[in-house]
């Protein structure tokens, strides 16, 4: 399974993220099999995990790249918006 959210707590053995699910804020706790030195509080992360004995065990944790908003270079006009569908 996979979850994405903002790190609110991290230790060498545990990770807690906060995520939005259909407009409600949810926290998830994960057991870390090994320390995650490159992850810090406030980072947006994606966690691949399995559930075993009622615990979420993180298999892979990685930072989520922020989406870049495309803006055309100066001097180039944006194309006009598409007409509304009828």
Protein backbone atom coordinates (compact mmCIF):
# COMPACT_ATOMS: atom_id res chain seq x y z
CA UNK A 1 0.00 0.00 0.00
CA UNK A 2 1.02 3.64 -0.34
CA UNK A 3 0.41 6.84 1.61
CA UNK A 4 1.55 10.40 0.99
CA UNK A 5 1.67 13.20 3.54
CA UNK A 6 3.66 15.67 5.61
CA UNK A 7 6.07 14.39 8.27
CA UNK A 8 5.02 15.56 11.76
CA UNK A 9 7.31 13.28 13.80
CA UNK A 10 10.32 11.12 13.01
CA UNK A 11 12.73 9.02 15.07
CA UNK A 12 15.20 6.29 14.11
CA UNK A 13 12.46 3.66 14.55
CA UNK A 14 9.15 5.46 13.82
CA UNK A 15 7.53 7.92 11.42
CA UNK A 16 4.25 9.83 11.72
CA UNK A 17 2.67 11.62 8.77
CA UNK A 18 -0.38 13.81 8.39
CA UNK A 19 -2.42 13.54 5.20
CA UNK A 20 -5.69 14.80 3.74
CA UNK A 21 -8.27 12.19 2.80
CA UNK A 22 -11.43 13.56 1.18
CA UNK A 23 -11.21 16.81 3.11
CA UNK A 24 -10.38 15.33 6.52
CA UNK A 25 -6.95 15.30 8.14
CA UNK A 26 -5.66 11.87 9.12
CA UNK A 27 -2.43 10.82 10.86
CA UNK A 28 -0.64 7.56 10.15
CA UNK A 29 2.12 5.90 12.18
CA UNK A 30 4.79 3.69 10.62
CA UNK A 31 7.51 1.44 12.00
CA UNK A 32 10.87 2.13 10.33
CA UNK A 33 13.09 -0.95 9.90
CA UNK A 34 16.10 1.37 9.43
CA UNK A 35 16.74 5.07 10.19
CA UNK A 36 15.79 7.60 7.51
CA UNK A 37 18.55 10.23 7.71
CA UNK A 38 17.41 12.25 4.69
CA UNK A 39 13.84 12.77 5.93
CA UNK A 40 12.97 15.62 8.32
CA UNK A 41 9.87 17.07 9.99
CA UNK A 42 7.92 19.13 7.46
CA UNK A 43 8.98 17.11 4.40
CA UNK A 44 6.30 15.81 2.01
CA UNK A 45 6.90 12.07 1.71
CA UNK A 46 5.49 9.01 0.04
CA UNK A 47 5.54 5.78 2.05
CA UNK A 48 5.20 2.26 0.64
CA UNK A 49 4.17 0.00 3.51
CA UNK A 50 2.69 -3.29 4.56
CA UNK A 51 0.41 -4.01 7.50
CA UNK A 52 1.54 -6.77 9.85
CA UNK A 53 0.23 -7.46 13.36
CA UNK A 54 -1.85 -4.24 13.27
CA UNK A 55 1.24 -2.12 12.51
CA UNK A 56 2.17 -0.24 9.35
CA UNK A 57 5.73 -1.21 8.44
CA UNK A 58 7.45 1.17 6.02
CA UNK A 59 9.19 -0.56 3.13
CA UNK A 60 10.24 2.59 1.25
CA UNK A 61 10.12 6.26 2.24
CA UNK A 62 10.95 9.04 -0.21
CA UNK A 63 10.47 12.76 -0.57
CA UNK A 64 7.72 13.82 -2.94
CA UNK A 65 8.82 16.24 -5.66
CA UNK A 66 6.78 19.41 -5.74
CA UNK A 67 4.85 19.96 -8.94
CA UNK A 68 6.24 22.78 -11.04
CA UNK A 69 3.82 25.24 -12.58
CA UNK A 70 4.66 25.89 -16.22
CA UNK A 71 4.91 29.50 -17.24
CA UNK A 72 5.93 30.52 -20.73
CA UNK A 73 9.13 32.54 -21.17
CA UNK A 74 8.80 36.32 -21.33
CA UNK A 75 7.63 37.62 -24.66
CA UNK A 76 5.67 34.48 -25.54
CA UNK A 77 1.91 34.67 -25.17
CA UNK A 78 -0.05 31.82 -23.65
CA UNK A 79 -2.51 30.10 -25.97
CA UNK A 80 -6.14 31.19 -25.52
CA UNK A 81 -8.28 28.95 -23.30
CA UNK A 82 -10.30 26.24 -24.97
CA UNK A 83 -13.95 27.05 -25.66
CA UNK A 84 -16.39 25.62 -23.14
CA UNK A 85 -17.94 22.27 -24.01
CA UNK A 86 -21.57 22.40 -25.04
